[in-house]
Amino acid sequence: MIAKFWAVEKVNSTLLSLPPCPFCGNSYVELISSLDHKWFYITCCEELGGCGAVTKICFSMEEAVDKWVRRDGELMRGNGNKD
């Protein structure tokens, strides 16, 4: 079996002033990007007590931020259930 790994980087989300997670209220959310900056998503940081909620993969940072801020059914709970 061949495993596929994506190289990602965490972008400094504090500069974006993202609202806390709508599911658990955790304020530690992260903007994740591919190393080539071709796709982005935002997640509630499980390492810092969050639930792991996540946006869909987006093809611009602005789109990912918009999906997190608008919270219009575009988020997945940490357990994989759609909001």
PDB file of N, CA and C in Angstrom:
ATOM      1  N   MET A   1       0.845  -1.179   0.000  1.00  0.00           N
ATOM      2  CA  MET A   1       0.000   0.000   0.000  1.00  0.00           C
ATOM      3  C   MET A   1       0.891   1.243   0.000  1.00  0.00           C
ATOM      4  N   ILE A   2       0.562   2.171  -0.854  1.00  0.00           N
ATOM      5  CA  ILE A   2       1.332   3.403  -0.952  1.00  0.00           C
ATOM      6  C   ILE A   2       0.564   4.512  -0.235  1.00  0.00           C
ATOM      7  N   ALA A   3       1.217   5.143   0.702  1.00  0.00           N
ATOM      8  CA  ALA A   3       0.590   6.261   1.422  1.00  0.00           C
ATOM      9  C   ALA A   3       0.944   7.566   0.721  1.00  0.00           C
ATOM     10  N   LYS A   4      -0.019   8.453   0.644  1.00  0.00           N
ATOM     11  CA  LYS A   4       0.221   9.768   0.060  1.00  0.00           C
ATOM     12  C   LYS A   4       0.270  10.788   1.185  1.00  0.00           C
ATOM     13  N   PHE A   5       1.267  11.632   1.158  1.00  0.00           N
ATOM     14  CA  PHE A   5       1.394  12.675   2.165  1.00  0.00           C
ATOM     15  C   PHE A   5       1.422  14.021   1.467  1.00  0.00           C
ATOM     16  N   TRP A   6       0.720  14.971   2.028  1.00  0.00           N
ATOM     17  CA  TRP A   6       0.726  16.324   1.508  1.00  0.00           C
ATOM     18  C   TRP A   6       1.630  17.161   2.378  1.00  0.00           C
ATOM     19  N   ALA A   7       2.482  17.936   1.768  1.00  0.00           N
ATOM     20  CA  ALA A   7       3.308  18.871   2.517  1.00  0.00           C
ATOM     21  C   ALA A   7       2.479  20.128   2.731  1.00  0.00           C
ATOM     22  N   VAL A   8       2.328  20.521   3.982  1.00  0.00           N
ATOM     23  CA  VAL A   8       1.510  21.690   4.303  1.00  0.00           C
ATOM     24  C   VAL A   8       2.282  22.628   5.216  1.00  0.00           C
ATOM     25  N   GLU A   9       1.808  23.843   5.307  1.00  0.00           N
ATOM     26  CA  GLU A   9       2.372  24.787   6.256  1.00  0.00           C
ATOM     27  C   GLU A   9       1.233  25.513   6.950  1.00  0.00           C
ATOM     28  N   LYS A  10       1.472  25.886   8.197  1.00  0.00           N
ATOM     29  CA  LYS A  10       0.503  26.667   8.955  1.00  0.00           C
ATOM     30  C   LYS A  10       0.808  28.137   8.702  1.00  0.00           C
ATOM     31  N   VAL A  11      -0.220  28.858   8.344  1.00  0.00           N
ATOM     32  CA  VAL A  11      -0.076  30.281   8.076  1.00  0.00           C
ATOM     33  C   VAL A  11      -0.442  31.028   9.358  1.00  0.00           C
ATOM     34  N   ASN A  12       0.205  32.125   9.637  1.00  0.00           N
ATOM     35  CA  ASN A  12      -0.049  32.891  10.861  1.00  0.00           C
ATOM     36  C   ASN A  12      -1.479  33.426  10.860  1.00  0.00           C
ATOM     37  N   SER A  13      -2.405  32.697  11.494  1.00  0.00           N
ATOM     38  CA  SER A  13      -3.819  33.054  11.482  1.00  0.00           C
ATOM     39  C   SER A  13      -4.142  34.229  12.387  1.00  0.00           C
ATOM     40  N   THR A  14      -3.253  34.561  13.317  1.00  0.00           N
ATOM     41  CA  THR A  14      -3.557  35.670  14.222  1.00  0.00           C
ATOM     42  C   THR A  14      -3.671  36.977  13.448  1.00  0.00           C
ATOM     43  N   LEU A  15      -3.013  37.067  12.309  1.00  0.00           N
ATOM     44  CA  LEU A  15      -3.104  38.276  11.502  1.00  0.00           C
ATOM     45  C   LEU A  15      -4.463  38.396  10.802  1.00  0.00           C
ATOM     46  N   LEU A  16      -5.188  37.285  10.706  1.00  0.00           N
ATOM     47  CA  LEU A  16      -6.468  37.284  10.003  1.00  0.00           C
ATOM     48  C   LEU A  16      -7.649  37.582  10.923  1.00  0.00           C
ATOM     49  N   SER A  17      -7.448  37.539  12.227  1.00  0.00           N
ATOM     50  CA  SER A  17      -8.502  37.680  13.244  1.00  0.00           C
ATOM     51  C   SER A  17      -9.751  36.880  12.889  1.00  0.00           C
ATOM     52  N   LEU A  18      -9.565  35.571  12.818  1.00  0.00           N
ATOM     53  CA  LEU A  18     -10.660  34.654  12.517  1.00  0.00           C
ATOM     54  C   LEU A  18     -11.533  34.465  13.746  1.00  0.00           C
ATOM     55  N   PRO A  19     -12.851  34.333  13.553  1.00  0.00           N
ATOM     56  CA  PRO A  19     -13.724  34.083  14.695  1.00  0.00           C
ATOM     57  C   PRO A  19     -13.490  32.682  15.252  1.00  0.00           C
ATOM     58  N   PRO A  20     -13.866  32.451  16.516  1.00  0.00           N
ATOM     59  CA  PRO A  20     -13.677  31.125  17.107  1.00  0.00           C
ATOM     60  C   PRO A  20     -14.521  30.060  16.407  1.00  0.00           C
ATOM     61  N   CYS A  21     -14.229  28.820  16.725  1.00  0.00           N
ATOM     62  CA  CYS A  21     -14.950  27.681  16.141  1.00  0.00           C
ATOM     63  C   CYS A  21     -16.438  27.762  16.493  1.00  0.00           C
ATOM     64  N   PRO A  22     -17.317  27.574  15.506  1.00  0.00           N
ATOM     65  CA  PRO A  22     -18.756  27.633  15.781  1.00  0.00           C
ATOM     66  C   PRO A  22     -19.274  26.412  16.538  1.00  0.00           C
ATOM     67  N   PHE A  23     -18.499  25.347  16.591  1.00  0.00           N
ATOM     68  CA  PHE A  23     -18.956  24.129  17.253  1.00  0.00           C
ATOM     69  C   PHE A  23     -18.523  24.043  18.712  1.00  0.00           C
ATOM     70  N   CYS A  24     -17.255  24.414  18.993  1.00  0.00           N
ATOM     71  CA  CYS A  24     -16.747  24.259  20.361  1.00  0.00           C
ATOM     72  C   CYS A  24     -16.322  25.574  21.004  1.00  0.00           C
ATOM     73  N   GLY A  25     -16.269  26.659  20.224  1.00  0.00           N
ATOM     74  CA  GLY A  25     -15.899  27.960  20.759  1.00  0.00           C
ATOM     75  C   GLY A  25     -14.403  28.192  20.909  1.00  0.00           C
ATOM     76  N   ASN A  26     -13.586  27.221  20.510  1.00  0.00           N
ATOM     77  CA  ASN A  26     -12.135  27.353  20.614  1.00  0.00           C
ATOM     78  C   ASN A  26     -11.652  28.501  19.727  1.00  0.00           C
ATOM     79  N   SER A  27     -10.794  29.359  20.281  1.00  0.00           N
ATOM     80  CA  SER A  27     -10.291  30.483  19.495  1.00  0.00           C
ATOM     81  C   SER A  27      -8.992  30.148  18.762  1.00  0.00           C
ATOM     82  N   TYR A  28      -8.467  28.940  18.970  1.00  0.00           N
ATOM     83  CA  TYR A  28      -7.243  28.525  18.282  1.00  0.00           C
ATOM     84  C   TYR A  28      -7.615  27.851  16.971  1.00  0.00           C
ATOM     85  N   VAL A  29      -7.712  28.642  15.913  1.00  0.00           N
ATOM     86  CA  VAL A  29      -7.995  28.117  14.585  1.00  0.00           C
ATOM     87  C   VAL A  29      -6.785  28.378  13.708  1.00  0.00           C
ATOM     88  N   GLU A  30      -6.571  27.506  12.739  1.00  0.00           N
ATOM     89  CA  GLU A  30      -5.372  27.590  11.897  1.00  0.00           C
ATOM     90  C   GLU A  30      -5.743  27.623  10.432  1.00  0.00           C
ATOM     91  N   LEU A  31      -5.042  28.446   9.710  1.00  0.00           N
ATOM     92  CA  LEU A  31      -5.116  28.450   8.254  1.00  0.00           C
ATOM     93  C   LEU A  31      -3.989  27.558   7.761  1.00  0.00           C
ATOM     94  N   ILE A  32      -4.335  26.524   7.022  1.00  0.00           N
ATOM     95  CA  ILE A  32      -3.363  25.564   6.497  1.00  0.00           C
ATOM     96  C   ILE A  32      -3.270  25.765   4.991  1.00  0.00           C
ATOM     97  N   SER A  33      -2.050  25.703   4.473  1.00  0.00           N
ATOM     98  CA  SER A  33      -1.821  25.899   3.051  1.00  0.00           C
ATOM     99  C   SER A  33      -0.894  24.815   2.522  1.00  0.00           C
ATOM    100  N   SER A  34      -1.079  24.453   1.257  1.00  0.00           N
ATOM    101  CA  SER A  34      -0.087  23.604   0.608  1.00  0.00           C
ATOM    102  C   SER A  34       1.180  24.438   0.454  1.00  0.00           C
ATOM    103  N   LEU A  35       2.321  23.795   0.364  1.00  0.00           N
ATOM    104  CA  LEU A  35       3.578  24.539   0.265  1.00  0.00           C
ATOM    105  C   LEU A  35       3.643  25.429  -0.967  1.00  0.00           C
ATOM    106  N   ASP A  36       2.949  25.014  -2.020  1.00  0.00           N
ATOM    107  CA  ASP A  36       2.946  25.825  -3.235  1.00  0.00           C
ATOM    108  C   ASP A  36       1.801  26.846  -3.247  1.00  0.00           C
ATOM    109  N   HIS A  37       1.049  26.919  -2.157  1.00  0.00           N
ATOM    110  CA  HIS A  37      -0.058  27.868  -1.984  1.00  0.00           C
ATOM    111  C   HIS A  37      -1.133  27.723  -3.059  1.00  0.00           C
ATOM    112  N   LYS A  38      -1.394  26.479  -3.454  1.00  0.00           N
ATOM    113  CA  LYS A  38      -2.451  26.229  -4.434  1.00  0.00           C
ATOM    114  C   LYS A  38      -3.773  25.889  -3.784  1.00  0.00           C
ATOM    115  N   TRP A  39      -3.757  25.461  -2.517  1.00  0.00           N
ATOM    116  CA  TRP A  39      -5.007  25.205  -1.800  1.00  0.00           C
ATOM    117  C   TRP A  39      -4.839  25.558  -0.326  1.00  0.00           C
ATOM    118  N   PHE A  40      -5.994  25.829   0.314  1.00  0.00           N
ATOM    119  CA  PHE A  40      -6.034  26.295   1.688  1.00  0.00           C
ATOM    120  C   PHE A  40      -7.243  25.704   2.390  1.00  0.00           C
ATOM    121  N   TYR A  41      -7.159  25.579   3.700  1.00  0.00           N
ATOM    122  CA  TYR A  41      -8.336  25.295   4.513  1.00  0.00           C
ATOM    123  C   TYR A  41      -8.090  25.821   5.914  1.00  0.00           C
ATOM    124  N   ILE A  42      -9.156  25.979   6.678  1.00  0.00           N
ATOM    125  CA  ILE A  42      -9.067  26.443   8.057  1.00  0.00           C
ATOM    126  C   ILE A  42      -9.609  25.348   8.951  1.00  0.00           C
ATOM    127  N   THR A  43      -8.930  25.133  10.064  1.00  0.00           N
ATOM    128  CA  THR A  43      -9.339  24.083  10.992  1.00  0.00           C
ATOM    129  C   THR A  43      -9.278  24.579  12.435  1.00  0.00           C
ATOM    130  N   CYS A  44     -10.114  24.006  13.265  1.00  0.00           N
ATOM    131  CA  CYS A  44     -10.097  24.251  14.706  1.00  0.00           C
ATOM    132  C   CYS A  44      -9.021  23.338  15.288  1.00  0.00           C
ATOM    133  N   CYS A  45      -8.030  23.916  15.937  1.00  0.00           N
ATOM    134  CA  CYS A  45      -6.815  23.209  16.340  1.00  0.00           C
ATOM    135  C   CYS A  45      -7.064  22.184  17.455  1.00  0.00           C
ATOM    136  N   GLU A  46      -7.017  20.911  17.099  1.00  0.00           N
ATOM    137  CA  GLU A  46      -7.203  19.837  18.084  1.00  0.00           C
ATOM    138  C   GLU A  46      -6.066  19.787  19.098  1.00  0.00           C
ATOM    139  N   GLU A  47      -4.852  20.145  18.679  1.00  0.00           N
ATOM    140  CA  GLU A  47      -3.700  20.112  19.585  1.00  0.00           C
ATOM    141  C   GLU A  47      -3.852  21.102  20.733  1.00  0.00           C
ATOM    142  N   LEU A  48      -4.699  22.114  20.548  1.00  0.00           N
ATOM    143  CA  LEU A  48      -4.906  23.127  21.587  1.00  0.00           C
ATOM    144  C   LEU A  48      -6.337  23.086  22.130  1.00  0.00           C
ATOM    145  N   GLY A  49      -6.912  21.891  22.157  1.00  0.00           N
ATOM    146  CA  GLY A  49      -8.211  21.691  22.790  1.00  0.00           C
ATOM    147  C   GLY A  49      -9.425  21.861  21.907  1.00  0.00           C
ATOM    148  N   GLY A  50      -9.234  22.046  20.610  1.00  0.00           N
ATOM    149  CA  GLY A  50     -10.351  22.233  19.693  1.00  0.00           C
ATOM    150  C   GLY A  50     -10.959  20.924  19.238  1.00  0.00           C
ATOM    151  N   CYS A  51     -11.988  21.028  18.415  1.00  0.00           N
ATOM    152  CA  CYS A  51     -12.743  19.847  17.982  1.00  0.00           C
ATOM    153  C   CYS A  51     -12.340  19.330  16.610  1.00  0.00           C
ATOM    154  N   GLY A  52     -11.500  20.071  15.868  1.00  0.00           N
ATOM    155  CA  GLY A  52     -11.062  19.613  14.554  1.00  0.00           C
ATOM    156  C   GLY A  52     -11.992  19.974  13.414  1.00  0.00           C
ATOM    157  N   ALA A  53     -12.961  20.860  13.651  1.00  0.00           N
ATOM    158  CA  ALA A  53     -13.833  21.305  12.560  1.00  0.00           C
ATOM    159  C   ALA A  53     -12.968  21.888  11.446  1.00  0.00           C
ATOM    160  N   VAL A  54     -13.440  21.766  10.213  1.00  0.00           N
ATOM    161  CA  VAL A  54     -12.603  22.170   9.082  1.00  0.00           C
ATOM    162  C   VAL A  54     -13.470  22.663   7.930  1.00  0.00           C
ATOM    163  N   THR A  55     -12.930  23.623   7.160  1.00  0.00           N
ATOM    164  CA  THR A  55     -13.599  24.042   5.928  1.00  0.00           C
ATOM    165  C   THR A  55     -13.259  23.037   4.832  1.00  0.00           C
ATOM    166  N   LYS A  56     -13.957  23.147   3.738  1.00  0.00           N
ATOM    167  CA  LYS A  56     -13.565  22.397   2.550  1.00  0.00           C
ATOM    168  C   LYS A  56     -12.255  22.984   2.033  1.00  0.00           C
ATOM    169  N   ILE A  57     -11.550  22.241   1.206  1.00  0.00           N
ATOM    170  CA  ILE A  57     -10.337  22.770   0.582  1.00  0.00           C
ATOM    171  C   ILE A  57     -10.736  23.860  -0.410  1.00  0.00           C
ATOM    172  N   CYS A  58     -10.033  24.978  -0.331  1.00  0.00           N
ATOM    173  CA  CYS A  58     -10.322  26.142  -1.168  1.00  0.00           C
ATOM    174  C   CYS A  58      -9.082  26.462  -1.993  1.00  0.00           C
ATOM    175  N   PHE A  59      -9.269  27.181  -3.076  1.00  0.00           N
ATOM    176  CA  PHE A  59      -8.160  27.475  -3.970  1.00  0.00           C
ATOM    177  C   PHE A  59      -7.645  28.900  -3.839  1.00  0.00           C
ATOM    178  N   SER A  60      -8.078  29.584  -2.767  1.00  0.00           N
ATOM    179  CA  SER A  60      -7.489  30.873  -2.405  1.00  0.00           C
ATOM    180  C   SER A  60      -7.652  31.039  -0.895  1.00  0.00           C
ATOM    181  N   MET A  61      -6.754  31.804  -0.301  1.00  0.00           N
ATOM    182  CA  MET A  61      -6.832  32.068   1.123  1.00  0.00           C
ATOM    183  C   MET A  61      -8.120  32.839   1.436  1.00  0.00           C
ATOM    184  N   GLU A  62      -8.489  33.761   0.581  1.00  0.00           N
ATOM    185  CA  GLU A  62      -9.684  34.565   0.791  1.00  0.00           C
ATOM    186  C   GLU A  62     -10.937  33.695   0.827  1.00  0.00           C
ATOM    187  N   GLU A  63     -10.998  32.695  -0.064  1.00  0.00           N
ATOM    188  CA  GLU A  63     -12.154  31.794  -0.101  1.00  0.00           C
ATOM    189  C   GLU A  63     -12.246  30.986   1.191  1.00  0.00           C
ATOM    190  N   ALA A  64     -11.111  30.492   1.692  1.00  0.00           N
ATOM    191  CA  ALA A  64     -11.114  29.718   2.939  1.00  0.00           C
ATOM    192  C   ALA A  64     -11.578  30.576   4.109  1.00  0.00           C
ATOM    193  N   VAL A  65     -11.064  31.795   4.185  1.00  0.00           N
ATOM    194  CA  VAL A  65     -11.470  32.714   5.257  1.00  0.00           C
ATOM    195  C   VAL A  65     -12.962  33.009   5.155  1.00  0.00           C
ATOM    196  N   ASP A  66     -13.454  33.244   3.947  1.00  0.00           N
ATOM    197  CA  ASP A  66     -14.875  33.534   3.744  1.00  0.00           C
ATOM    198  C   ASP A  66     -15.743  32.375   4.210  1.00  0.00           C
ATOM    199  N   LYS A  67     -15.350  31.145   3.895  1.00  0.00           N
ATOM    200  CA  LYS A  67     -16.132  29.978   4.316  1.00  0.00           C
ATOM    201  C   LYS A  67     -16.149  29.849   5.838  1.00  0.00           C
ATOM    202  N   TRP A  68     -15.022  30.136   6.492  1.00  0.00           N
ATOM    203  CA  TRP A  68     -14.967  30.045   7.956  1.00  0.00           C
ATOM    204  C   TRP A  68     -15.831  31.137   8.587  1.00  0.00           C
ATOM    205  N   VAL A  69     -15.754  32.339   8.051  1.00  0.00           N
ATOM    206  CA  VAL A  69     -16.473  33.475   8.637  1.00  0.00           C
ATOM    207  C   VAL A  69     -17.976  33.371   8.395  1.00  0.00           C
ATOM    208  N   ARG A  70     -18.388  32.983   7.191  1.00  0.00           N
ATOM    209  CA  ARG A  70     -19.820  32.933   6.866  1.00  0.00           C
ATOM    210  C   ARG A  70     -20.522  31.748   7.507  1.00  0.00           C
ATOM    211  N   ARG A  71     -19.858  30.628   7.658  1.00  0.00           N
ATOM    212  CA  ARG A  71     -20.414  29.449   8.334  1.00  0.00           C
ATOM    213  C   ARG A  71     -21.764  29.045   7.758  1.00  0.00           C
ATOM    214  N   ASP A  72     -21.825  28.945   6.466  1.00  0.00           N
ATOM    215  CA  ASP A  72     -23.099  28.681   5.792  1.00  0.00           C
ATOM    216  C   ASP A  72     -23.227  27.244   5.293  1.00  0.00           C
ATOM    217  N   GLY A  73     -22.891  26.300   6.141  1.00  0.00           N
ATOM    218  CA  GLY A  73     -22.979  24.905   5.731  1.00  0.00           C
ATOM    219  C   GLY A  73     -21.744  24.414   5.017  1.00  0.00           C
ATOM    220  N   GLU A  74     -20.690  25.211   4.985  1.00  0.00           N
ATOM    221  CA  GLU A  74     -19.448  24.843   4.315  1.00  0.00           C
ATOM    222  C   GLU A  74     -18.417  24.282   5.295  1.00  0.00           C
ATOM    223  N   LEU A  75     -18.797  24.043   6.539  1.00  0.00           N
ATOM    224  CA  LEU A  75     -17.865  23.521   7.537  1.00  0.00           C
ATOM    225  C   LEU A  75     -18.190  22.079   7.851  1.00  0.00           C
ATOM    226  N   MET A  76     -17.169  21.318   8.175  1.00  0.00           N
ATOM    227  CA  MET A  76     -17.348  19.940   8.627  1.00  0.00           C
ATOM    228  C   MET A  76     -16.939  19.878  10.082  1.00  0.00           C
ATOM    229  N   ARG A  77     -17.760  19.222  10.889  1.00  0.00           N
ATOM    230  CA  ARG A  77     -17.387  19.013  12.287  1.00  0.00           C
ATOM    231  C   ARG A  77     -16.183  18.098  12.328  1.00  0.00           C
ATOM    232  N   GLY A  78     -15.482  18.082  13.464  1.00  0.00           N
ATOM    233  CA  GLY A  78     -14.311  17.228  13.615  1.00  0.00           C
ATOM    234  C   GLY A  78     -14.608  15.756  13.409  1.00  0.00           C
ATOM    235  N   ASN A  79     -15.869  15.345  13.633  1.00  0.00           N
ATOM    236  CA  ASN A  79     -16.227  13.940  13.453  1.00  0.00           C
ATOM    237  C   ASN A  79     -16.662  13.631  12.027  1.00  0.00           C
ATOM    238  N   GLY A  80     -16.519  14.603  11.116  1.00  0.00           N
ATOM    239  CA  GLY A  80     -16.842  14.373   9.708  1.00  0.00           C
ATOM    240  C   GLY A  80     -18.272  14.725   9.314  1.00  0.00           C
ATOM    241  N   ASN A  81     -19.111  15.140  10.264  1.00  0.00           N
ATOM    242  CA  ASN A  81     -20.475  15.518   9.941  1.00  0.00           C
ATOM    243  C   ASN A  81     -20.536  16.944   9.462  1.00  0.00           C
ATOM    244  N   LYS A  82     -21.308  17.173   8.406  1.00  0.00           N
ATOM    245  CA  LYS A  82     -21.436  18.519   7.859  1.00  0.00           C
ATOM    246  C   LYS A  82     -22.329  19.352   8.757  1.00  0.00           C
ATOM    247  N   ASP A  83     -21.991  20.632   8.899  1.00  0.00           N
ATOM    248  CA  ASP A  83     -22.808  21.557   9.704  1.00  0.00           C
ATOM    249  C   ASP A  83     -24.144  21.761   9.036  1.00  0.00           C
TER     250      ASP A  83
END
